[in-house]
PDB file of N, CA and C in Angstrom:
ATOM      1  N   MET A   1       7.864  22.010  37.302  1.00  0.00           N
ATOM      2  CA  MET A   1       8.875  21.329  36.490  1.00  0.00           C
ATOM      3  C   MET A   1       9.096  22.086  35.175  1.00  0.00           C
ATOM      4  N   SER A   2      10.350  22.173  34.767  1.00  0.00           N
ATOM      5  CA  SER A   2      10.718  22.895  33.586  1.00  0.00           C
ATOM      6  C   SER A   2      10.506  22.047  32.302  1.00  0.00           C
ATOM      7  N   ASP A   3      10.232  22.725  31.209  1.00  0.00           N
ATOM      8  CA  ASP A   3      10.118  22.008  29.923  1.00  0.00           C
ATOM      9  C   ASP A   3      11.422  22.053  29.167  1.00  0.00           C
ATOM     10  N   TYR A   4      12.496  22.408  29.842  1.00  0.00           N
ATOM     11  CA  TYR A   4      13.829  22.566  29.184  1.00  0.00           C
ATOM     12  C   TYR A   4      14.340  21.157  28.831  1.00  0.00           C
ATOM     13  N   THR A   5      14.917  21.030  27.591  1.00  0.00           N
ATOM     14  CA  THR A   5      15.527  19.850  27.113  1.00  0.00           C
ATOM     15  C   THR A   5      17.045  20.099  27.084  1.00  0.00           C
ATOM     16  N   PRO A   6      17.812  19.478  27.977  1.00  0.00           N
ATOM     17  CA  PRO A   6      19.285  19.728  28.008  1.00  0.00           C
ATOM     18  C   PRO A   6      19.963  19.371  26.679  1.00  0.00           C
ATOM     19  N   ILE A   7      20.956  20.179  26.332  1.00  0.00           N
ATOM     20  CA  ILE A   7      21.789  19.867  25.124  1.00  0.00           C
ATOM     21  C   ILE A   7      22.886  18.961  25.546  1.00  0.00           C
ATOM     22  N   SER A   8      23.610  18.431  24.549  1.00  0.00           N
ATOM     23  CA  SER A   8      24.707  17.495  24.865  1.00  0.00           C
ATOM     24  C   SER A   8      25.855  18.230  25.562  1.00  0.00           C
ATOM     25  N   CYS A   9      26.602  17.516  26.357  1.00  0.00           N
ATOM     26  CA  CYS A   9      27.763  18.088  27.050  1.00  0.00           C
ATOM     27  C   CYS A   9      28.772  18.607  26.063  1.00  0.00           C
ATOM     28  N   ALA A  10      28.979  17.870  24.979  1.00  0.00           N
ATOM     29  CA  ALA A  10      29.957  18.299  23.979  1.00  0.00           C
ATOM     30  C   ALA A  10      29.528  19.629  23.379  1.00  0.00           C
ATOM     31  N   GLN A  11      28.252  19.809  23.033  1.00  0.00           N
ATOM     32  CA  GLN A  11      27.778  21.044  22.461  1.00  0.00           C
ATOM     33  C   GLN A  11      27.891  22.193  23.476  1.00  0.00           C
ATOM     34  N   HIS A  12      27.563  21.898  24.718  1.00  0.00           N
ATOM     35  CA  HIS A  12      27.680  22.929  25.797  1.00  0.00           C
ATOM     36  C   HIS A  12      29.141  23.354  25.904  1.00  0.00           C
ATOM     37  N   SER A  13      30.059  22.438  25.858  1.00  0.00           N
ATOM     38  CA  SER A  13      31.528  22.803  25.955  1.00  0.00           C
ATOM     39  C   SER A  13      31.940  23.638  24.791  1.00  0.00           C
ATOM     40  N   GLU A  14      31.418  23.339  23.579  1.00  0.00           N
ATOM     41  CA  GLU A  14      31.784  24.164  22.395  1.00  0.00           C
ATOM     42  C   GLU A  14      31.253  25.593  22.627  1.00  0.00           C
ATOM     43  N   TYR A  15      30.017  25.732  23.127  1.00  0.00           N
ATOM     44  CA  TYR A  15      29.491  27.089  23.345  1.00  0.00           C
ATOM     45  C   TYR A  15      30.329  27.829  24.403  1.00  0.00           C
ATOM     46  N   GLU A  16      30.764  27.126  25.454  1.00  0.00           N
ATOM     47  CA  GLU A  16      31.590  27.810  26.475  1.00  0.00           C
ATOM     48  C   GLU A  16      32.860  28.267  25.890  1.00  0.00           C
ATOM     49  N   LEU A  17      33.533  27.486  25.018  1.00  0.00           N
ATOM     50  CA  LEU A  17      34.758  27.921  24.367  1.00  0.00           C
ATOM     51  C   LEU A  17      34.514  29.163  23.478  1.00  0.00           C
ATOM     52  N   MET A  18      33.374  29.159  22.755  1.00  0.00           N
ATOM     53  CA  MET A  18      33.051  30.340  21.951  1.00  0.00           C
ATOM     54  C   MET A  18      32.874  31.533  22.789  1.00  0.00           C
ATOM     55  N   ALA A  19      32.220  31.386  23.924  1.00  0.00           N
ATOM     56  CA  ALA A  19      31.969  32.503  24.845  1.00  0.00           C
ATOM     57  C   ALA A  19      33.334  33.002  25.439  1.00  0.00           C
ATOM     58  N   MET A  20      34.205  32.071  25.803  1.00  0.00           N
ATOM     59  CA  MET A  20      35.488  32.467  26.347  1.00  0.00           C
ATOM     60  C   MET A  20      36.263  33.331  25.416  1.00  0.00           C
ATOM     61  N   HIS A  21      36.142  33.029  24.091  1.00  0.00           N
ATOM     62  CA  HIS A  21      36.838  33.776  23.023  1.00  0.00           C
ATOM     63  C   HIS A  21      35.977  34.911  22.466  1.00  0.00           C
ATOM     64  N   ARG A  22      34.777  35.068  23.035  1.00  0.00           N
ATOM     65  CA  ARG A  22      33.871  36.129  22.629  1.00  0.00           C
ATOM     66  C   ARG A  22      33.730  36.222  21.098  1.00  0.00           C
ATOM     67  N   GLN A  23      33.424  35.056  20.523  1.00  0.00           N
ATOM     68  CA  GLN A  23      33.313  34.934  19.087  1.00  0.00           C
ATOM     69  C   GLN A  23      32.042  35.537  18.546  1.00  0.00           C
ATOM     70  N   MET A  24      32.134  36.048  17.326  1.00  0.00           N
ATOM     71  CA  MET A  24      30.933  36.454  16.581  1.00  0.00           C
ATOM     72  C   MET A  24      30.297  35.163  16.018  1.00  0.00           C
ATOM     73  N   VAL A  25      29.000  35.085  16.232  1.00  0.00           N
ATOM     74  CA  VAL A  25      28.290  33.873  15.770  1.00  0.00           C
ATOM     75  C   VAL A  25      27.013  34.242  15.051  1.00  0.00           C
ATOM     76  N   GLU A  26      26.505  33.310  14.236  1.00  0.00           N
ATOM     77  CA  GLU A  26      25.198  33.437  13.659  1.00  0.00           C
ATOM     78  C   GLU A  26      24.410  32.274  14.195  1.00  0.00           C
ATOM     79  N   LEU A  27      23.275  32.538  14.811  1.00  0.00           N
ATOM     80  CA  LEU A  27      22.421  31.523  15.386  1.00  0.00           C
ATOM     81  C   LEU A  27      21.215  31.294  14.526  1.00  0.00           C
ATOM     82  N   LYS A  28      20.823  30.031  14.416  1.00  0.00           N
ATOM     83  CA  LYS A  28      19.522  29.652  13.727  1.00  0.00           C
ATOM     84  C   LYS A  28      18.652  29.123  14.869  1.00  0.00           C
ATOM     85  N   LEU A  29      17.483  29.746  15.017  1.00  0.00           N
ATOM     86  CA  LEU A  29      16.556  29.353  16.067  1.00  0.00           C
ATOM     87  C   LEU A  29      15.638  28.281  15.644  1.00  0.00           C
ATOM     88  N   VAL A  30      15.264  27.361  16.525  1.00  0.00           N
ATOM     89  CA  VAL A  30      14.474  26.191  16.226  1.00  0.00           C
ATOM     90  C   VAL A  30      13.142  26.512  15.646  1.00  0.00           C
ATOM     91  N   GLU A  31      12.276  27.162  16.361  1.00  0.00           N
ATOM     92  CA  GLU A  31      10.894  27.322  15.970  1.00  0.00           C
ATOM     93  C   GLU A  31      10.686  28.323  14.838  1.00  0.00           C
ATOM     94  N   SER A  32      11.312  29.449  14.908  1.00  0.00           N
ATOM     95  CA  SER A  32      11.074  30.569  13.955  1.00  0.00           C
ATOM     96  C   SER A  32      11.994  30.457  12.701  1.00  0.00           C
ATOM     97  N   LYS A  33      13.054  29.697  12.790  1.00  0.00           N
ATOM     98  CA  LYS A  33      14.051  29.622  11.740  1.00  0.00           C
ATOM     99  C   LYS A  33      14.726  30.964  11.518  1.00  0.00           C
ATOM    100  N   GLU A  34      14.474  31.899  12.446  1.00  0.00           N
ATOM    101  CA  GLU A  34      15.102  33.232  12.427  1.00  0.00           C
ATOM    102  C   GLU A  34      16.557  33.077  12.634  1.00  0.00           C
ATOM    103  N   LYS A  35      17.369  33.961  12.083  1.00  0.00           N
ATOM    104  CA  LYS A  35      18.817  33.957  12.289  1.00  0.00           C
ATOM    105  C   LYS A  35      19.174  35.271  13.045  1.00  0.00           C
ATOM    106  N   MET A  36      20.122  35.079  13.973  1.00  0.00           N
ATOM    107  CA  MET A  36      20.605  36.242  14.741  1.00  0.00           C
ATOM    108  C   MET A  36      22.138  36.244  14.637  1.00  0.00           C
ATOM    109  N   VAL A  37      22.727  37.416  14.586  1.00  0.00           N
ATOM    110  CA  VAL A  37      24.181  37.564  14.565  1.00  0.00           C
ATOM    111  C   VAL A  37      24.606  38.448  15.745  1.00  0.00           C
ATOM    112  N   GLY A  38      25.557  37.946  16.538  1.00  0.00           N
ATOM    113  CA  GLY A  38      26.046  38.710  17.697  1.00  0.00           C
ATOM    114  C   GLY A  38      27.285  38.052  18.226  1.00  0.00           C
ATOM    115  N   ARG A  39      27.845  38.679  19.246  1.00  0.00           N
ATOM    116  CA  ARG A  39      29.020  38.156  19.928  1.00  0.00           C
ATOM    117  C   ARG A  39      28.560  37.363  21.103  1.00  0.00           C
ATOM    118  N   LEU A  40      28.988  36.061  21.130  1.00  0.00           N
ATOM    119  CA  LEU A  40      28.649  35.169  22.233  1.00  0.00           C
ATOM    120  C   LEU A  40      29.496  35.577  23.428  1.00  0.00           C
ATOM    121  N   VAL A  41      28.858  36.066  24.512  1.00  0.00           N
ATOM    122  CA  VAL A  41      29.563  36.561  25.655  1.00  0.00           C
ATOM    123  C   VAL A  41      29.461  35.787  26.928  1.00  0.00           C
ATOM    124  N   ASP A  42      28.433  34.893  27.020  1.00  0.00           N
ATOM    125  CA  ASP A  42      28.281  34.150  28.291  1.00  0.00           C
ATOM    126  C   ASP A  42      27.354  32.936  28.067  1.00  0.00           C
ATOM    127  N   ILE A  43      27.592  31.937  28.889  1.00  0.00           N
ATOM    128  CA  ILE A  43      26.733  30.767  29.012  1.00  0.00           C
ATOM    129  C   ILE A  43      26.407  30.682  30.498  1.00  0.00           C
ATOM    130  N   THR A  44      25.123  30.661  30.846  1.00  0.00           N
ATOM    131  CA  THR A  44      24.733  30.627  32.237  1.00  0.00           C
ATOM    132  C   THR A  44      23.618  29.552  32.458  1.00  0.00           C
ATOM    133  N   THR A  45      23.431  29.210  33.738  1.00  0.00           N
ATOM    134  CA  THR A  45      22.399  28.293  34.111  1.00  0.00           C
ATOM    135  C   THR A  45      21.622  28.888  35.280  1.00  0.00           C
ATOM    136  N   ARG A  46      20.278  28.909  35.119  1.00  0.00           N
ATOM    137  CA  ARG A  46      19.363  29.351  36.200  1.00  0.00           C
ATOM    138  C   ARG A  46      18.172  28.427  36.229  1.00  0.00           C
ATOM    139  N   GLY A  47      17.865  27.992  37.417  1.00  0.00           N
ATOM    140  CA  GLY A  47      16.675  27.164  37.580  1.00  0.00           C
ATOM    141  C   GLY A  47      16.696  25.880  36.732  1.00  0.00           C
ATOM    142  N   GLY A  48      17.889  25.355  36.465  1.00  0.00           N
ATOM    143  CA  GLY A  48      17.980  24.180  35.650  1.00  0.00           C
ATOM    144  C   GLY A  48      17.861  24.393  34.171  1.00  0.00           C
ATOM    145  N   VAL A  49      17.861  25.652  33.716  1.00  0.00           N
ATOM    146  CA  VAL A  49      17.772  25.965  32.300  1.00  0.00           C
ATOM    147  C   VAL A  49      19.068  26.710  31.898  1.00  0.00           C
ATOM    148  N   GLU A  50      19.647  26.310  30.725  1.00  0.00           N
ATOM    149  CA  GLU A  50      20.920  26.909  30.269  1.00  0.00           C
ATOM    150  C   GLU A  50      20.564  27.993  29.263  1.00  0.00           C
ATOM    151  N   TYR A  51      21.315  29.088  29.360  1.00  0.00           N
ATOM    152  CA  TYR A  51      21.159  30.231  28.458  1.00  0.00           C
ATOM    153  C   TYR A  51      22.445  30.696  27.794  1.00  0.00           C
ATOM    154  N   MET A  52      22.329  31.250  26.614  1.00  0.00           N
ATOM    155  CA  MET A  52      23.455  31.920  25.920  1.00  0.00           C
ATOM    156  C   MET A  52      23.157  33.383  25.858  1.00  0.00           C
ATOM    157  N   THR A  53      24.148  34.207  26.133  1.00  0.00           N
ATOM    158  CA  THR A  53      23.956  35.653  26.050  1.00  0.00           C
ATOM    159  C   THR A  53      24.739  36.165  24.816  1.00  0.00           C
ATOM    160  N   LEU A  54      24.007  36.868  23.955  1.00  0.00           N
ATOM    161  CA  LEU A  54      24.590  37.462  22.784  1.00  0.00           C
ATOM    162  C   LEU A  54      24.630  39.013  22.961  1.00  0.00           C
ATOM    163  N   LEU A  55      25.724  39.630  22.544  1.00  0.00           N
ATOM    164  CA  LEU A  55      25.857  41.085  22.488  1.00  0.00           C
ATOM    165  C   LEU A  55      25.829  41.509  21.078  1.00  0.00           C
ATOM    166  N   PHE A  56      24.919  42.465  20.794  1.00  0.00           N
ATOM    167  CA  PHE A  56      24.777  42.894  19.390  1.00  0.00           C
ATOM    168  C   PHE A  56      25.573  44.202  19.207  1.00  0.00           C
ATOM    169  N   GLU A  57      25.787  44.575  17.931  1.00  0.00           N
ATOM    170  CA  GLU A  57      26.584  45.740  17.586  1.00  0.00           C
ATOM    171  C   GLU A  57      26.088  47.005  18.220  1.00  0.00           C
ATOM    172  N   ASP A  58      24.753  47.090  18.424  1.00  0.00           N
ATOM    173  CA  ASP A  58      24.162  48.289  18.989  1.00  0.00           C
ATOM    174  C   ASP A  58      24.266  48.314  20.529  1.00  0.00           C
ATOM    175  N   GLY A  59      24.968  47.337  21.096  1.00  0.00           N
ATOM    176  CA  GLY A  59      25.114  47.291  22.557  1.00  0.00           C
ATOM    177  C   GLY A  59      24.067  46.538  23.330  1.00  0.00           C
ATOM    178  N   GLN A  60      22.972  46.174  22.657  1.00  0.00           N
ATOM    179  CA  GLN A  60      21.888  45.408  23.294  1.00  0.00           C
ATOM    180  C   GLN A  60      22.336  43.974  23.540  1.00  0.00           C
ATOM    181  N   LYS A  61      21.792  43.335  24.545  1.00  0.00           N
ATOM    182  CA  LYS A  61      22.084  41.975  24.845  1.00  0.00           C
ATOM    183  C   LYS A  61      20.756  41.158  24.763  1.00  0.00           C
ATOM    184  N   SER A  62      20.889  39.904  24.380  1.00  0.00           N
ATOM    185  CA  SER A  62      19.765  39.012  24.341  1.00  0.00           C
ATOM    186  C   SER A  62      20.173  37.627  24.965  1.00  0.00           C
ATOM    187  N   GLU A  63      19.262  37.076  25.749  1.00  0.00           N
ATOM    188  CA  GLU A  63      19.532  35.802  26.377  1.00  0.00           C
ATOM    189  C   GLU A  63      18.591  34.756  25.780  1.00  0.00           C
ATOM    190  N   LEU A  64      19.183  33.696  25.260  1.00  0.00           N
ATOM    191  CA  LEU A  64      18.418  32.650  24.584  1.00  0.00           C
ATOM    192  C   LEU A  64      18.623  31.287  25.235  1.00  0.00           C
ATOM    193  N   ARG A  65      17.571  30.546  25.381  1.00  0.00           N
ATOM    194  CA  ARG A  65      17.658  29.168  25.918  1.00  0.00           C
ATOM    195  C   ARG A  65      18.426  28.333  24.898  1.00  0.00           C
ATOM    196  N   LEU A  66      19.339  27.513  25.387  1.00  0.00           N
ATOM    197  CA  LEU A  66      20.138  26.685  24.553  1.00  0.00           C
ATOM    198  C   LEU A  66      19.318  25.688  23.755  1.00  0.00           C
ATOM    199  N   ASP A  67      18.228  25.205  24.323  1.00  0.00           N
ATOM    200  CA  ASP A  67      17.363  24.233  23.584  1.00  0.00           C
ATOM    201  C   ASP A  67      16.494  24.873  22.508  1.00  0.00           C
ATOM    202  N   HIS A  68      16.559  26.199  22.382  1.00  0.00           N
ATOM    203  CA  HIS A  68      15.832  26.920  21.324  1.00  0.00           C
ATOM    204  C   HIS A  68      16.780  27.215  20.157  1.00  0.00           C
ATOM    205  N   ILE A  69      18.043  26.807  20.245  1.00  0.00           N
ATOM    206  CA  ILE A  69      19.009  27.054  19.178  1.00  0.00           C
ATOM    207  C   ILE A  69      19.224  25.817  18.363  1.00  0.00           C
ATOM    208  N   GLU A  70      18.980  25.935  17.045  1.00  0.00           N
ATOM    209  CA  GLU A  70      19.180  24.806  16.146  1.00  0.00           C
ATOM    210  C   GLU A  70      20.567  24.649  15.654  1.00  0.00           C
ATOM    211  N   GLY A  71      21.262  25.825  15.404  1.00  0.00           N
ATOM    212  CA  GLY A  71      22.605  25.748  14.891  1.00  0.00           C
ATOM    213  C   GLY A  71      23.301  27.040  15.203  1.00  0.00           C
ATOM    214  N   VAL A  72      24.678  26.896  15.264  1.00  0.00           N
ATOM    215  CA  VAL A  72      25.555  28.037  15.563  1.00  0.00           C
ATOM    216  C   VAL A  72      26.731  27.963  14.553  1.00  0.00           C
ATOM    217  N   THR A  73      26.941  29.090  13.875  1.00  0.00           N
ATOM    218  CA  THR A  73      28.060  29.217  12.914  1.00  0.00           C
ATOM    219  C   THR A  73      28.977  30.319  13.414  1.00  0.00           C
ATOM    220  N   VAL A  74      30.288  30.021  13.552  1.00  0.00           N
ATOM    221  CA  VAL A  74      31.233  31.042  13.986  1.00  0.00           C
ATOM    222  C   VAL A  74      31.560  31.855  12.709  1.00  0.00           C
ATOM    223  N   LEU A  75      31.490  33.195  12.895  1.00  0.00           N
ATOM    224  CA  LEU A  75      31.790  34.091  11.753  1.00  0.00           C
ATOM    225  C   LEU A  75      33.231  34.601  11.760  1.00  0.00           C
TER     226      LEU A  75
END
């Protein structure tokens, strides 16, 4: 069984719209309070867990669980 905590449908829809428009965002992560800046390029689900894919300026990609994200600011 997964320890994933689903986010609200409204928040998921907002993330999908941001991904459709490939918006630059700043993310604040829950546990580390670290901030990340990148282009939101995809929202996916695997094994009952939802992920956000960010593309960074250097071409690298990172996949983050949606329940590990505390806040998203569109830049």
